[in-house]
C-alpha atoms as a PDB file:
ATOM      1  CA  UNK A   1     -68.761 -24.505   8.343  1.00  0.00           C
ATOM      2  CA  UNK A   2     -69.413 -21.396   6.896  1.00  0.00           C
ATOM      3  CA  UNK A   3     -71.693 -22.103   4.195  1.00  0.00           C
ATOM      4  CA  UNK A   4     -70.966 -20.240   0.642  1.00  0.00           C
ATOM      5  CA  UNK A   5     -68.785 -18.033   2.744  1.00  0.00           C
ATOM      6  CA  UNK A   6     -68.578 -14.701   5.052  1.00  0.00           C
ATOM      7  CA  UNK A   7     -71.436 -11.919   5.007  1.00  0.00           C
ATOM      8  CA  UNK A   8     -69.898  -8.519   5.738  1.00  0.00           C
ATOM      9  CA  UNK A   9     -72.072  -5.464   5.422  1.00  0.00           C
ATOM     10  CA  UNK A  10     -70.876  -1.484   4.219  1.00  0.00           C
ATOM     11  CA  UNK A  11     -73.162   1.418   5.846  1.00  0.00           C
ATOM     12  CA  UNK A  12     -72.244   4.553   4.199  1.00  0.00           C
ATOM     13  CA  UNK A  13     -73.595   7.935   5.926  1.00  0.00           C
ATOM     14  CA  UNK A  14     -74.913  10.409   4.387  1.00  0.00           C
ATOM     15  CA  UNK A  15     -71.619  12.490   4.815  1.00  0.00           C
ATOM     16  CA  UNK A  16     -69.131   9.928   3.114  1.00  0.00           C
ATOM     17  CA  UNK A  17     -67.899   8.563   6.123  1.00  0.00           C
ATOM     18  CA  UNK A  18     -68.592   4.466   6.116  1.00  0.00           C
ATOM     19  CA  UNK A  19     -68.521   1.557   8.272  1.00  0.00           C
ATOM     20  CA  UNK A  20     -68.049  -1.990   8.017  1.00  0.00           C
ATOM     21  CA  UNK A  21     -68.882  -4.825   9.756  1.00  0.00           C
ATOM     22  CA  UNK A  22     -66.979  -7.989  10.048  1.00  0.00           C
ATOM     23  CA  UNK A  23     -64.005  -7.900   8.607  1.00  0.00           C
ATOM     24  CA  UNK A  24     -63.620 -11.381   6.670  1.00  0.00           C
ATOM     25  CA  UNK A  25     -60.551 -12.923   5.774  1.00  0.00           C
ATOM     26  CA  UNK A  26     -58.096 -10.885   4.157  1.00  0.00           C
ATOM     27  CA  UNK A  27     -59.531 -12.244   0.300  1.00  0.00           C
ATOM     28  CA  UNK A  28     -58.069  -9.896  -2.029  1.00  0.00           C
ATOM     29  CA  UNK A  29     -61.207 -10.213  -4.065  1.00  0.00           C
ATOM     30  CA  UNK A  30     -63.159  -8.782  -0.812  1.00  0.00           C
ATOM     31  CA  UNK A  31     -60.700  -5.987  -0.187  1.00  0.00           C
ATOM     32  CA  UNK A  32     -61.467  -5.077  -4.219  1.00  0.00           C
ATOM     33  CA  UNK A  33     -65.091  -5.343  -3.973  1.00  0.00           C
ATOM     34  CA  UNK A  34     -65.046  -2.699  -0.795  1.00  0.00           C
ATOM     35  CA  UNK A  35     -62.809  -0.215  -2.400  1.00  0.00           C
ATOM     36  CA  UNK A  36     -64.560  -0.231  -5.626  1.00  0.00           C
ATOM     37  CA  UNK A  37     -67.987   0.508  -3.491  1.00  0.00           C
ATOM     38  CA  UNK A  38     -66.415   3.115  -1.396  1.00  0.00           C
ATOM     39  CA  UNK A  39     -65.120   4.523  -4.733  1.00  0.00           C
ATOM     40  CA  UNK A  40     -68.823   4.146  -6.337  1.00  0.00           C
ATOM     41  CA  UNK A  41     -70.399   6.307  -3.486  1.00  0.00           C
ATOM     42  CA  UNK A  42     -67.231   8.962  -2.598  1.00  0.00           C
ATOM     43  CA  UNK A  43     -66.744   7.369   0.362  1.00  0.00           C
ATOM     44  CA  UNK A  44     -64.776   6.748   2.891  1.00  0.00           C
ATOM     45  CA  UNK A  45     -64.515   3.801   5.338  1.00  0.00           C
ATOM     46  CA  UNK A  46     -63.821   5.389   8.795  1.00  0.00           C
ATOM     47  CA  UNK A  47     -64.591   2.338  11.159  1.00  0.00           C
ATOM     48  CA  UNK A  48     -64.544  -1.526  10.757  1.00  0.00           C
ATOM     49  CA  UNK A  49     -66.976  -3.165  13.654  1.00  0.00           C
ATOM     50  CA  UNK A  50     -65.932  -6.807  14.141  1.00  0.00           C
ATOM     51  CA  UNK A  51     -68.723  -9.116  15.815  1.00  0.00           C
ATOM     52  CA  UNK A  52     -66.260 -11.423  17.473  1.00  0.00           C
ATOM     53  CA  UNK A  53     -62.786 -12.662  17.273  1.00  0.00           C
ATOM     54  CA  UNK A  54     -63.358 -15.863  15.353  1.00  0.00           C
ATOM     55  CA  UNK A  55     -60.943 -16.031  12.313  1.00  0.00           C
ATOM     56  CA  UNK A  56     -63.302 -15.730   9.692  1.00  0.00           C
ATOM     57  CA  UNK A  57     -64.993 -12.897  11.097  1.00  0.00           C
ATOM     58  CA  UNK A  58     -61.559 -11.065  12.267  1.00  0.00           C
ATOM     59  CA  UNK A  59     -58.487 -11.983  10.660  1.00  0.00           C
ATOM     60  CA  UNK A  60     -59.007  -9.925   7.588  1.00  0.00           C
ATOM     61  CA  UNK A  61     -58.667  -6.926  10.321  1.00  0.00           C
ATOM     62  CA  UNK A  62     -55.088  -5.969   9.593  1.00  0.00           C
ATOM     63  CA  UNK A  63     -55.664  -5.876   5.742  1.00  0.00           C
ATOM     64  CA  UNK A  64     -58.237  -4.120   5.793  1.00  0.00           C
ATOM     65  CA  UNK A  65     -56.449  -1.266   8.462  1.00  0.00           C
ATOM     66  CA  UNK A  66     -53.283  -1.369   5.749  1.00  0.00           C
ATOM     67  CA  UNK A  67     -55.471  -0.117   2.655  1.00  0.00           C
ATOM     68  CA  UNK A  68     -57.417   2.020   4.995  1.00  0.00           C
ATOM     69  CA  UNK A  69     -54.985   4.315   7.125  1.00  0.00           C
ATOM     70  CA  UNK A  70     -56.789   6.224   9.659  1.00  0.00           C
ATOM     71  CA  UNK A  71     -59.373   3.312   9.837  1.00  0.00           C
ATOM     72  CA  UNK A  72     -60.650   2.953  13.241  1.00  0.00           C
ATOM     73  CA  UNK A  73     -60.674  -0.894  14.054  1.00  0.00           C
ATOM     74  CA  UNK A  74     -63.149  -2.182  16.856  1.00  0.00           C
ATOM     75  CA  UNK A  75     -64.161  -5.091  19.016  1.00  0.00           C
ATOM     76  CA  UNK A  76     -65.280  -5.919  22.226  1.00  0.00           C
ATOM     77  CA  UNK A  77     -62.376  -7.655  23.913  1.00  0.00           C
ATOM     78  CA  UNK A  78     -61.392 -11.303  23.860  1.00  0.00           C
ATOM     79  CA  UNK A  79     -58.239 -11.092  26.089  1.00  0.00           C
ATOM     80  CA  UNK A  80     -55.840 -14.272  24.691  1.00  0.00           C
ATOM     81  CA  UNK A  81     -57.773 -14.002  21.237  1.00  0.00           C
ATOM     82  CA  UNK A  82     -57.384 -10.349  19.731  1.00  0.00           C
ATOM     83  CA  UNK A  83     -53.467 -10.378  20.178  1.00  0.00           C
ATOM     84  CA  UNK A  84     -53.513 -13.430  17.260  1.00  0.00           C
ATOM     85  CA  UNK A  85     -55.201 -10.537  14.817  1.00  0.00           C
ATOM     86  CA  UNK A  86     -51.732  -8.491  14.756  1.00  0.00           C
ATOM     87  CA  UNK A  87     -54.012  -5.174  14.826  1.00  0.00           C
ATOM     88  CA  UNK A  88     -54.680  -2.678  16.927  1.00  0.00           C
ATOM     89  CA  UNK A  89     -57.954  -3.156  18.263  1.00  0.00           C
ATOM     90  CA  UNK A  90     -60.175  -0.363  20.131  1.00  0.00           C
ATOM     91  CA  UNK A  91     -62.525  -1.361  22.731  1.00  0.00           C
ATOM     92  CA  UNK A  92     -66.530  -1.747  21.951  1.00  0.00           C
ATOM     93  CA  UNK A  93     -68.730  -2.310  25.214  1.00  0.00           C
ATOM     94  CA  UNK A  94     -72.243  -3.313  25.695  1.00  0.00           C
ATOM     95  CA  UNK A  95     -74.735   0.035  25.072  1.00  0.00           C
ATOM     96  CA  UNK A  96     -72.378   1.739  23.509  1.00  0.00           C
ATOM     97  CA  UNK A  97     -73.521   4.149  20.597  1.00  0.00           C
ATOM     98  CA  UNK A  98     -71.585   4.276  17.421  1.00  0.00           C
ATOM     99  CA  UNK A  99     -72.254   7.335  15.501  1.00  0.00           C
ATOM    100  CA  UNK A 100     -72.316   7.809  11.782  1.00  0.00           C
ATOM    101  CA  UNK A 101     -73.532  11.092  10.674  1.00  0.00           C
ATOM    102  CA  UNK A 102     -77.081  11.392  11.549  1.00  0.00           C
ATOM    103  CA  UNK A 103     -77.401   7.162  11.577  1.00  0.00           C
ATOM    104  CA  UNK A 104     -76.534   5.104  15.264  1.00  0.00           C
ATOM    105  CA  UNK A 105     -75.518   1.332  15.636  1.00  0.00           C
ATOM    106  CA  UNK A 106     -75.772   0.144  19.502  1.00  0.00           C
ATOM    107  CA  UNK A 107     -73.474  -2.481  20.433  1.00  0.00           C
ATOM    108  CA  UNK A 108     -75.587  -5.141  22.151  1.00  0.00           C
ATOM    109  CA  UNK A 109     -73.192  -7.688  23.664  1.00  0.00           C
ATOM    110  CA  UNK A 110     -74.495 -11.215  22.722  1.00  0.00           C
ATOM    111  CA  UNK A 111     -71.867 -14.146  24.275  1.00  0.00           C
ATOM    112  CA  UNK A 112     -72.550 -17.567  23.682  1.00  0.00           C
ATOM    113  CA  UNK A 113     -70.863 -18.833  20.339  1.00  0.00           C
ATOM    114  CA  UNK A 114     -67.839 -16.593  21.924  1.00  0.00           C
ATOM    115  CA  UNK A 115     -67.217 -14.610  25.007  1.00  0.00           C
ATOM    116  CA  UNK A 116     -66.989 -11.316  23.088  1.00  0.00           C
ATOM    117  CA  UNK A 117     -69.632 -11.756  20.954  1.00  0.00           C
ATOM    118  CA  UNK A 118     -71.621  -8.631  19.386  1.00  0.00           C
ATOM    119  CA  UNK A 119     -74.781  -7.718  17.759  1.00  0.00           C
ATOM    120  CA  UNK A 120     -75.079  -4.239  16.055  1.00  0.00           C
ATOM    121  CA  UNK A 121     -78.945  -2.626  15.975  1.00  0.00           C
ATOM    122  CA  UNK A 122     -79.975   0.342  14.480  1.00  0.00           C
ATOM    123  CA  UNK A 123     -83.265   1.108  16.484  1.00  0.00           C
ATOM    124  CA  UNK A 124     -84.665   3.025  13.615  1.00  0.00           C
ATOM    125  CA  UNK A 125     -84.530   0.952  10.424  1.00  0.00           C
ATOM    126  CA  UNK A 126     -84.754  -2.028  13.369  1.00  0.00           C
ATOM    127  CA  UNK A 127     -82.200  -3.794  11.261  1.00  0.00           C
ATOM    128  CA  UNK A 128     -79.668  -6.465  13.339  1.00  0.00           C
ATOM    129  CA  UNK A 129     -76.446  -7.154  12.371  1.00  0.00           C
ATOM    130  CA  UNK A 130     -75.967 -10.428  13.922  1.00  0.00           C
ATOM    131  CA  UNK A 131     -72.588 -12.121  13.035  1.00  0.00           C
ATOM    132  CA  UNK A 132     -72.782 -15.513  14.414  1.00  0.00           C
ATOM    133  CA  UNK A 133     -76.330 -15.748  16.783  1.00  0.00           C
ATOM    134  CA  UNK A 134     -78.051 -17.075  13.933  1.00  0.00           C
ATOM    135  CA  UNK A 135     -78.028 -18.569  10.475  1.00  0.00           C
ATOM    136  CA  UNK A 136     -81.129 -19.632   8.302  1.00  0.00           C
ATOM    137  CA  UNK A 137     -81.289 -23.247   7.732  1.00  0.00           C
ATOM    138  CA  UNK A 138     -79.255 -24.403  10.088  1.00  0.00           C
ATOM    139  CA  UNK A 139     -77.810 -24.362  13.840  1.00  0.00           C
ATOM    140  CA  UNK A 140     -74.709 -22.114  14.993  1.00  0.00           C
ATOM    141  CA  UNK A 141     -72.285 -24.175  16.890  1.00  0.00           C
ATOM    142  CA  UNK A 142     -71.312 -23.425  20.499  1.00  0.00           C
ATOM    143  CA  UNK A 143     -67.309 -23.398  20.859  1.00  0.00           C
ATOM    144  CA  UNK A 144     -67.289 -25.268  24.471  1.00  0.00           C
ATOM    145  CA  UNK A 145     -63.590 -25.895  24.244  1.00  0.00           C
ATOM    146  CA  UNK A 146     -63.269 -21.887  23.236  1.00  0.00           C
ATOM    147  CA  UNK A 147     -65.096 -19.871  25.530  1.00  0.00           C
ATOM    148  CA  UNK A 148     -68.656 -20.749  24.551  1.00  0.00           C
ATOM    149  CA  UNK A 149     -71.483 -20.926  26.848  1.00  0.00           C
ATOM    150  CA  UNK A 150     -75.067 -22.233  25.848  1.00  0.00           C
ATOM    151  CA  UNK A 151     -76.336 -20.924  29.085  1.00  0.00           C
ATOM    152  CA  UNK A 152     -75.295 -17.216  27.668  1.00  0.00           C
ATOM    153  CA  UNK A 153     -76.271 -17.938  24.046  1.00  0.00           C
ATOM    154  CA  UNK A 154     -79.726 -18.658  25.016  1.00  0.00           C
ATOM    155  CA  UNK A 155     -79.894 -15.383  26.842  1.00  0.00           C
ATOM    156  CA  UNK A 156     -78.775 -13.519  23.879  1.00  0.00           C
ATOM    157  CA  UNK A 157     -81.401 -15.313  21.718  1.00  0.00           C
ATOM    158  CA  UNK A 158     -83.399 -13.809  24.166  1.00  0.00           C
ATOM    159  CA  UNK A 159     -82.060 -10.074  24.183  1.00  0.00           C
ATOM    160  CA  UNK A 160     -82.192 -10.129  20.369  1.00  0.00           C
ATOM    161  CA  UNK A 161     -85.948 -11.102  20.274  1.00  0.00           C
ATOM    162  CA  UNK A 162     -86.829  -8.686  23.177  1.00  0.00           C
ATOM    163  CA  UNK A 163     -85.454  -6.173  20.394  1.00  0.00           C
ATOM    164  CA  UNK A 164     -88.293  -6.449  18.074  1.00  0.00           C
ATOM    165  CA  UNK A 165     -86.304  -6.523  15.123  1.00  0.00           C
ATOM    166  CA  UNK A 166     -87.850  -6.347  11.473  1.00  0.00           C
ATOM    167  CA  UNK A 167     -84.602  -8.247   9.922  1.00  0.00           C
ATOM    168  CA  UNK A 168     -81.693  -9.831  11.030  1.00  0.00           C
ATOM    169  CA  UNK A 169     -78.317  -9.366   8.697  1.00  0.00           C
ATOM    170  CA  UNK A 170     -76.110 -12.321   9.631  1.00  0.00           C
ATOM    171  CA  UNK A 171     -72.461 -13.189   9.046  1.00  0.00           C
ATOM    172  CA  UNK A 172     -73.432 -16.138   7.051  1.00  0.00           C
ATOM    173  CA  UNK A 173     -76.150 -17.158   4.544  1.00  0.00           C
ATOM    174  CA  UNK A 174     -79.175 -14.786   3.676  1.00  0.00           C
ATOM    175  CA  UNK A 175     -81.206 -12.193   5.401  1.00  0.00           C
ATOM    176  CA  UNK A 176     -84.113 -13.273   7.673  1.00  0.00           C
ATOM    177  CA  UNK A 177     -86.981 -11.269   7.418  1.00  0.00           C
ATOM    178  CA  UNK A 178     -89.280 -13.261  10.060  1.00  0.00           C
ATOM    179  CA  UNK A 179     -86.861 -12.924  13.208  1.00  0.00           C
ATOM    180  CA  UNK A 180     -89.222 -13.845  15.633  1.00  0.00           C
ATOM    181  CA  UNK A 181     -90.067 -17.196  14.075  1.00  0.00           C
ATOM    182  CA  UNK A 182     -86.529 -17.632  13.839  1.00  0.00           C
ATOM    183  CA  UNK A 183     -85.431 -17.082  17.055  1.00  0.00           C
ATOM    184  CA  UNK A 184     -87.941 -18.986  18.987  1.00  0.00           C
ATOM    185  CA  UNK A 185     -86.774 -21.713  16.417  1.00  0.00           C
ATOM    186  CA  UNK A 186     -83.672 -21.619  17.687  1.00  0.00           C
ATOM    187  CA  UNK A 187     -84.741 -21.689  21.254  1.00  0.00           C
ATOM    188  CA  UNK A 188     -86.950 -24.275  20.749  1.00  0.00           C
ATOM    189  CA  UNK A 189     -84.034 -26.298  18.980  1.00  0.00           C
ATOM    190  CA  UNK A 190     -81.682 -25.682  21.869  1.00  0.00           C
ATOM    191  CA  UNK A 191     -84.290 -27.152  24.224  1.00  0.00           C
ATOM    192  CA  UNK A 192     -84.818 -29.908  22.555  1.00  0.00           C
ATOM    193  CA  UNK A 193     -81.259 -30.937  21.982  1.00  0.00           C
ATOM    194  CA  UNK A 194     -80.950 -30.327  25.892  1.00  0.00           C
ATOM    195  CA  UNK A 195     -83.540 -33.025  26.360  1.00  0.00           C
ATOM    196  CA  UNK A 196     -81.903 -35.661  24.200  1.00  0.00           C
ATOM    197  CA  UNK A 197     -78.834 -34.766  25.990  1.00  0.00           C
ATOM    198  CA  UNK A 198     -80.500 -35.303  29.113  1.00  0.00           C
ATOM    199  CA  UNK A 199     -82.130 -38.417  28.453  1.00  0.00           C
ATOM    200  CA  UNK A 200     -78.883 -40.022  26.997  1.00  0.00           C
ATOM    201  CA  UNK A 201     -77.045 -39.280  29.704  1.00  0.00           C
ATOM    202  CA  UNK A 202     -79.830 -40.746  31.794  1.00  0.00           C
ATOM    203  CA  UNK A 203     -79.728 -44.110  29.882  1.00  0.00           C
ATOM    204  CA  UNK A 204     -76.157 -44.412  30.638  1.00  0.00           C
ATOM    205  CA  UNK A 205     -74.012 -42.642  28.276  1.00  0.00           C
ATOM    206  CA  UNK A 206     -71.586 -41.436  29.528  1.00  0.00           C
ATOM    207  CA  UNK A 207     -68.895 -39.450  27.529  1.00  0.00           C
ATOM    208  CA  UNK A 208     -68.885 -36.911  24.626  1.00  0.00           C
ATOM    209  CA  UNK A 209     -68.664 -38.703  22.176  1.00  0.00           C
ATOM    210  CA  UNK A 210     -70.968 -41.580  22.754  1.00  0.00           C
ATOM    211  CA  UNK A 211     -73.873 -39.168  23.873  1.00  0.00           C
ATOM    212  CA  UNK A 212     -73.121 -37.533  19.909  1.00  0.00           C
ATOM    213  CA  UNK A 213     -73.003 -40.767  18.459  1.00  0.00           C
ATOM    214  CA  UNK A 214     -76.314 -41.577  19.684  1.00  0.00           C
ATOM    215  CA  UNK A 215     -78.055 -38.042  18.971  1.00  0.00           C
ATOM    216  CA  UNK A 216     -76.728 -37.055  15.705  1.00  0.00           C
ATOM    217  CA  UNK A 217     -77.437 -40.230  13.682  1.00  0.00           C
ATOM    218  CA  UNK A 218     -76.101 -40.432  10.171  1.00  0.00           C
ATOM    219  CA  UNK A 219     -73.916 -37.254  10.170  1.00  0.00           C
ATOM    220  CA  UNK A 220     -71.571 -36.782   8.096  1.00  0.00           C
ATOM    221  CA  UNK A 221     -68.014 -37.278   9.553  1.00  0.00           C
ATOM    222  CA  UNK A 222     -66.562 -34.011   9.517  1.00  0.00           C
ATOM    223  CA  UNK A 223     -69.339 -32.629  11.137  1.00  0.00           C
ATOM    224  CA  UNK A 224     -68.814 -34.602  13.968  1.00  0.00           C
ATOM    225  CA  UNK A 225     -65.988 -32.402  15.578  1.00  0.00           C
ATOM    226  CA  UNK A 226     -68.803 -29.438  15.776  1.00  0.00           C
ATOM    227  CA  UNK A 227     -71.435 -32.246  17.438  1.00  0.00           C
ATOM    228  CA  UNK A 228     -69.628 -32.930  19.920  1.00  0.00           C
ATOM    229  CA  UNK A 229     -68.706 -29.373  20.903  1.00  0.00           C
ATOM    230  CA  UNK A 230     -72.439 -28.615  20.901  1.00  0.00           C
ATOM    231  CA  UNK A 231     -72.940 -31.653  23.052  1.00  0.00           C
ATOM    232  CA  UNK A 232     -70.318 -30.706  25.645  1.00  0.00           C
ATOM    233  CA  UNK A 233     -71.818 -27.165  25.761  1.00  0.00           C
ATOM    234  CA  UNK A 234     -75.080 -28.988  26.456  1.00  0.00           C
ATOM    235  CA  UNK A 235     -73.474 -31.179  29.298  1.00  0.00           C
ATOM    236  CA  UNK A 236     -71.808 -28.054  30.616  1.00  0.00           C
ATOM    237  CA  UNK A 237     -75.144 -26.165  30.865  1.00  0.00           C
ATOM    238  CA  UNK A 238     -76.632 -28.618  32.772  1.00  0.00           C
ATOM    239  CA  UNK A 239     -73.754 -29.114  35.129  1.00  0.00           C
ATOM    240  CA  UNK A 240     -74.438 -25.116  35.564  1.00  0.00           C
ATOM    241  CA  UNK A 241     -77.861 -26.174  36.363  1.00  0.00           C
ATOM    242  CA  UNK A 242     -77.285 -28.961  38.753  1.00  0.00           C
ATOM    243  CA  UNK A 243     -78.051 -31.528  36.665  1.00  0.00           C
ATOM    244  CA  UNK A 244     -75.024 -33.081  35.729  1.00  0.00           C
ATOM    245  CA  UNK A 245     -71.682 -33.861  36.826  1.00  0.00           C
ATOM    246  CA  UNK A 246     -68.485 -34.838  35.186  1.00  0.00           C
ATOM    247  CA  UNK A 247     -65.470 -36.766  36.161  1.00  0.00           C
ATOM    248  CA  UNK A 248     -62.323 -36.596  34.178  1.00  0.00           C
ATOM    249  CA  UNK A 249     -64.443 -36.704  30.962  1.00  0.00           C
ATOM    250  CA  UNK A 250     -67.299 -39.157  32.726  1.00  0.00           C
ATOM    251  CA  UNK A 251     -70.643 -37.378  33.065  1.00  0.00           C
ATOM    252  CA  UNK A 252     -73.375 -38.940  35.247  1.00  0.00           C
ATOM    253  CA  UNK A 253     -76.887 -37.055  36.054  1.00  0.00           C
ATOM    254  CA  UNK A 254     -76.794 -35.645  39.565  1.00  0.00           C
ATOM    255  CA  UNK A 255     -78.817 -38.006  41.067  1.00  0.00           C
ATOM    256  CA  UNK A 256     -77.074 -40.853  39.971  1.00  0.00           C
ATOM    257  CA  UNK A 257     -73.125 -39.627  40.742  1.00  0.00           C
ATOM    258  CA  UNK A 258     -73.150 -40.602  43.911  1.00  0.00           C
ATOM    259  CA  UNK A 259     -74.260 -44.397  43.871  1.00  0.00           C
ATOM    260  CA  UNK A 260     -71.272 -44.648  41.156  1.00  0.00           C
ATOM    261  CA  UNK A 261     -68.587 -43.403  42.828  1.00  0.00           C
ATOM    262  CA  UNK A 262     -69.805 -45.163  45.417  1.00  0.00           C
ATOM    263  CA  UNK A 263     -70.064 -48.545  43.969  1.00  0.00           C
ATOM    264  CA  UNK A 264     -67.286 -48.067  41.387  1.00  0.00           C
ATOM    265  CA  UNK A 265     -69.944 -48.692  38.204  1.00  0.00           C
ATOM    266  CA  UNK A 266     -67.523 -48.619  35.137  1.00  0.00           C
ATOM    267  CA  UNK A 267     -69.045 -45.836  33.012  1.00  0.00           C
ATOM    268  CA  UNK A 268     -67.485 -46.277  29.828  1.00  0.00           C
END
């Protein structure tokens, strides 16, 4: 699910203070590379900014904090999840500015993939560090069972689109030098998936597995859990929009739900 692995980004200010965006997983090779680059630049790590609390982005925070005493470890709070990392987080908030010498990174709350997801925006260079918001050549899973919300995710894509970024630096995959095209592509892809889910529902498919099987033809079985998470997220959005109804894992369109209940029609 992480492709070639995780990208973390080291930003070194003119005064030698440095910020690391995302913590990785605590791999000793990552820690060694980080220290080597800091030594090469005669810099010291003063802040660790984490885009969100998923393990591939946050679980390395204790190892980095141990290797760099005094580093400030910061993210937007996610109650019930942050404690698992075993580190003393400092809270970030939407709109907050992180200063690094003369440089400024602006905190942009972009929920949807997870409730606490952040993008870090450099308004001078117009570079956005986008975590798991987008990845070139693929789509992002919406963890419906872990606080992901598709409606919020679409709003977050729109919000980053409005920044007018020149470059996106994602947590997985290559840099994105055509942000508007990729963000519009993501929005179009989600609208297409929503139509597919709504059509499957209207055709009588009533469960998440049945809808996922009808949409994701020939998908590697190892990826089916992720596909079902995405279908669940789309169904929850349709429910929020008043277009679908759920009853103990059985889904119907809002226009047919009362008929099915009244007649006792099987929805398996």
